[in-house]
Amino acid sequence: MAGLDPFLVKVNTNTFFRLQVDKTIYDSDIALATGLTQTEPPAGSTIIDVSQRQARRSNKVGRVLVSVSKGRKSRRVPLICDLEKLTTIEAALKGKSLNLGITPTAWAVKRVSNG
């Protein structure tokens, strides 16, 4: 893994969760599809630092399992997701790739399921 970076997910108009995710996996396409962002929130917003587990316990963040493949290899990768994106994430990830591994390589997204 290349390292963890802080990403934000919106809880309500002026509140955001900040959680650490792998910046290699959550590139701009994947972050957009999952509803995570590194864009600074509006001035005066409240930012709450949480772990991924704490975020999933809320009613604002969920997890999806993404089936990916590279050649004959396949695996399932859990991704944190804004609950509002659950209905659109499968279509948003169609045709995309996840960068995985110590030396990141692209794995093609095959299927998305609730996890």
C-alpha atoms as a PDB file:
ATOM      1  CA  MET A   1       0.000   0.000   0.000  1.00  0.00           C
ATOM      2  CA  ALA A   2       1.202   3.435  -0.850  1.00  0.00           C
ATOM      3  CA  GLY A   3      -0.217   5.002   2.309  1.00  0.00           C
ATOM      4  CA  LEU A   4      -3.324   6.423   3.840  1.00  0.00           C
ATOM      5  CA  ASP A   5      -4.714   9.873   3.219  1.00  0.00           C
ATOM      6  CA  PRO A   6      -7.609  11.728   4.822  1.00  0.00           C
ATOM      7  CA  PHE A   7     -10.812  11.743   2.792  1.00  0.00           C
ATOM      8  CA  LEU A   8     -14.114  13.383   3.711  1.00  0.00           C
ATOM      9  CA  VAL A   9     -17.648  12.089   3.450  1.00  0.00           C
ATOM     10  CA  LYS A  10     -20.624  14.368   3.995  1.00  0.00           C
ATOM     11  CA  VAL A  11     -22.790  13.649   7.052  1.00  0.00           C
ATOM     12  CA  ASN A  12     -25.095  16.654   6.632  1.00  0.00           C
ATOM     13  CA  THR A  13     -24.906  20.208   5.296  1.00  0.00           C
ATOM     14  CA  ASN A  14     -22.130  21.390   7.635  1.00  0.00           C
ATOM     15  CA  THR A  15     -20.717  18.146   9.067  1.00  0.00           C
ATOM     16  CA  PHE A  16     -18.203  15.758   7.538  1.00  0.00           C
ATOM     17  CA  PHE A  17     -16.486  12.548   8.628  1.00  0.00           C
ATOM     18  CA  ARG A  18     -12.740  12.462   7.971  1.00  0.00           C
ATOM     19  CA  LEU A  19     -11.380   8.959   7.566  1.00  0.00           C
ATOM     20  CA  GLN A  20      -8.133   7.471   6.356  1.00  0.00           C
ATOM     21  CA  VAL A  21      -8.206   5.422   3.152  1.00  0.00           C
ATOM     22  CA  ASP A  22      -5.606   4.133   0.717  1.00  0.00           C
ATOM     23  CA  LYS A  23      -4.909   7.007  -1.658  1.00  0.00           C
ATOM     24  CA  THR A  24      -3.787   4.594  -4.378  1.00  0.00           C
ATOM     25  CA  ILE A  25      -7.137   2.801  -4.483  1.00  0.00           C
ATOM     26  CA  TYR A  26      -9.241   5.929  -4.011  1.00  0.00           C
ATOM     27  CA  ASP A  27      -8.027   7.795  -7.077  1.00  0.00           C
ATOM     28  CA  SER A  28     -10.239  10.541  -8.496  1.00  0.00           C
ATOM     29  CA  ASP A  29     -12.604   8.145 -10.333  1.00  0.00           C
ATOM     30  CA  ILE A  30     -13.071   5.789  -7.390  1.00  0.00           C
ATOM     31  CA  ALA A  31     -13.420   8.624  -4.856  1.00  0.00           C
ATOM     32  CA  LEU A  32     -16.103  10.259  -6.998  1.00  0.00           C
ATOM     33  CA  ALA A  33     -18.007   6.979  -7.387  1.00  0.00           C
ATOM     34  CA  THR A  34     -17.902   6.283  -3.638  1.00  0.00           C
ATOM     35  CA  GLY A  35     -18.751   9.830  -2.544  1.00  0.00           C
ATOM     36  CA  LEU A  36     -15.413  10.498  -0.828  1.00  0.00           C
ATOM     37  CA  THR A  37     -13.511  13.716  -1.441  1.00  0.00           C
ATOM     38  CA  GLN A  38     -10.346  15.525  -0.472  1.00  0.00           C
ATOM     39  CA  THR A  39     -11.916  18.891  -1.249  1.00  0.00           C
ATOM     40  CA  GLU A  40     -11.976  21.208   1.741  1.00  0.00           C
ATOM     41  CA  PRO A  41     -15.474  21.668   3.179  1.00  0.00           C
ATOM     42  CA  PRO A  42     -17.114  25.089   3.454  1.00  0.00           C
ATOM     43  CA  ALA A  43     -15.787  27.420   6.148  1.00  0.00           C
ATOM     44  CA  GLY A  44     -17.404  26.794   9.512  1.00  0.00           C
ATOM     45  CA  SER A  45     -18.050  23.101   8.816  1.00  0.00           C
ATOM     46  CA  THR A  46     -17.524  20.529  11.538  1.00  0.00           C
ATOM     47  CA  ILE A  47     -15.074  17.736  10.741  1.00  0.00           C
ATOM     48  CA  ILE A  48     -15.204  14.575  12.851  1.00  0.00           C
ATOM     49  CA  ASP A  49     -12.219  12.214  12.704  1.00  0.00           C
ATOM     50  CA  VAL A  50     -13.453   8.615  12.644  1.00  0.00           C
ATOM     51  CA  SER A  51     -12.131   5.187  11.785  1.00  0.00           C
ATOM     52  CA  GLN A  52     -13.639   3.297   8.869  1.00  0.00           C
ATOM     53  CA  ARG A  53     -15.414   1.017  11.344  1.00  0.00           C
ATOM     54  CA  GLN A  54     -16.915   3.975  13.223  1.00  0.00           C
ATOM     55  CA  ALA A  55     -18.023   5.550   9.937  1.00  0.00           C
ATOM     56  CA  ARG A  56     -19.750   2.309   8.857  1.00  0.00           C
ATOM     57  CA  ARG A  57     -21.683   2.232  12.140  1.00  0.00           C
ATOM     58  CA  SER A  58     -23.287   5.544  11.232  1.00  0.00           C
ATOM     59  CA  ASN A  59     -26.302   5.841   8.972  1.00  0.00           C
ATOM     60  CA  LYS A  60     -24.237   7.808   6.412  1.00  0.00           C
ATOM     61  CA  VAL A  61     -21.454   5.433   5.355  1.00  0.00           C
ATOM     62  CA  GLY A  62     -21.545   1.865   4.096  1.00  0.00           C
ATOM     63  CA  ARG A  63     -19.286  -0.672   2.482  1.00  0.00           C
ATOM     64  CA  VAL A  64     -19.403  -2.374  -0.887  1.00  0.00           C
ATOM     65  CA  LEU A  65     -17.418  -5.384  -2.061  1.00  0.00           C
ATOM     66  CA  VAL A  66     -15.889  -4.944  -5.479  1.00  0.00           C
ATOM     67  CA  SER A  67     -14.924  -8.047  -7.438  1.00  0.00           C
ATOM     68  CA  VAL A  68     -11.865  -7.313  -9.563  1.00  0.00           C
ATOM     69  CA  SER A  69      -9.669  -9.360 -11.865  1.00  0.00           C
ATOM     70  CA  LYS A  70      -6.274  -9.178 -13.526  1.00  0.00           C
ATOM     71  CA  GLY A  71      -5.479 -11.980 -15.939  1.00  0.00           C
ATOM     72  CA  ARG A  72      -6.537 -15.229 -14.241  1.00  0.00           C
ATOM     73  CA  LYS A  73      -6.402 -13.729 -10.763  1.00  0.00           C
ATOM     74  CA  SER A  74      -9.447 -12.345  -9.001  1.00  0.00           C
ATOM     75  CA  ARG A  75     -10.235 -10.910  -5.601  1.00  0.00           C
ATOM     76  CA  ARG A  76     -12.841  -8.957  -3.674  1.00  0.00           C
ATOM     77  CA  VAL A  77     -11.951  -5.536  -2.326  1.00  0.00           C
ATOM     78  CA  PRO A  78     -14.056  -3.694   0.285  1.00  0.00           C
ATOM     79  CA  LEU A  79     -14.631   0.015  -0.371  1.00  0.00           C
ATOM     80  CA  ILE A  80     -16.102   2.628   1.958  1.00  0.00           C
ATOM     81  CA  CYS A  81     -19.033   4.380   0.333  1.00  0.00           C
ATOM     82  CA  ASP A  82     -21.389   7.261   1.072  1.00  0.00           C
ATOM     83  CA  LEU A  83     -24.797   5.606   1.576  1.00  0.00           C
ATOM     84  CA  GLU A  84     -26.341   8.012  -0.924  1.00  0.00           C
ATOM     85  CA  LYS A  85     -24.083   6.475  -3.602  1.00  0.00           C
ATOM     86  CA  LEU A  86     -25.169   2.854  -3.005  1.00  0.00           C
ATOM     87  CA  THR A  87     -27.790   2.959  -5.744  1.00  0.00           C
ATOM     88  CA  THR A  88     -25.391   4.329  -8.366  1.00  0.00           C
ATOM     89  CA  ILE A  89     -22.009   2.881  -7.430  1.00  0.00           C
ATOM     90  CA  GLU A  90     -22.225  -0.248  -9.562  1.00  0.00           C
ATOM     91  CA  ALA A  91     -22.861   1.787 -12.723  1.00  0.00           C
ATOM     92  CA  ALA A  92     -20.251   4.372 -11.684  1.00  0.00           C
ATOM     93  CA  LEU A  93     -17.547   1.702 -11.292  1.00  0.00           C
ATOM     94  CA  LYS A  94     -18.402  -0.140 -14.510  1.00  0.00           C
ATOM     95  CA  GLY A  95     -15.396  -0.083 -16.821  1.00  0.00           C
ATOM     96  CA  LYS A  96     -13.105   1.301 -14.097  1.00  0.00           C
ATOM     97  CA  SER A  97     -10.014  -0.225 -12.512  1.00  0.00           C
ATOM     98  CA  LEU A  98      -8.733  -0.355  -8.948  1.00  0.00           C
ATOM     99  CA  ASN A  99      -5.017   0.155  -8.375  1.00  0.00           C
ATOM    100  CA  LEU A 100      -3.888  -2.584  -6.001  1.00  0.00           C
ATOM    101  CA  GLY A 101      -0.631  -3.951  -4.645  1.00  0.00           C
ATOM    102  CA  ILE A 102       2.720  -2.768  -3.350  1.00  0.00           C
ATOM    103  CA  THR A 103       3.598  -1.685  -6.872  1.00  0.00           C
ATOM    104  CA  PRO A 104       0.091  -0.606  -7.873  1.00  0.00           C
ATOM    105  CA  THR A 105      -1.331  -2.325 -10.917  1.00  0.00           C
ATOM    106  CA  ALA A 106      -4.784  -1.947 -12.428  1.00  0.00           C
ATOM    107  CA  TRP A 107      -7.393  -4.607 -11.643  1.00  0.00           C
ATOM    108  CA  ALA A 108     -10.584  -4.452 -13.734  1.00  0.00           C
ATOM    109  CA  VAL A 109     -13.866  -4.052 -11.843  1.00  0.00           C
ATOM    110  CA  LYS A 110     -16.197  -6.963 -12.610  1.00  0.00           C
ATOM    111  CA  ARG A 111     -19.013  -6.696 -10.081  1.00  0.00           C
ATOM    112  CA  VAL A 112     -20.128  -4.635  -7.077  1.00  0.00           C
ATOM    113  CA  SER A 113     -22.179  -5.973  -4.171  1.00  0.00           C
ATOM    114  CA  ASN A 114     -23.245  -4.654  -0.787  1.00  0.00           C
ATOM    115  CA  GLY A 115     -20.809  -5.727   1.862  1.00  0.00           C
END
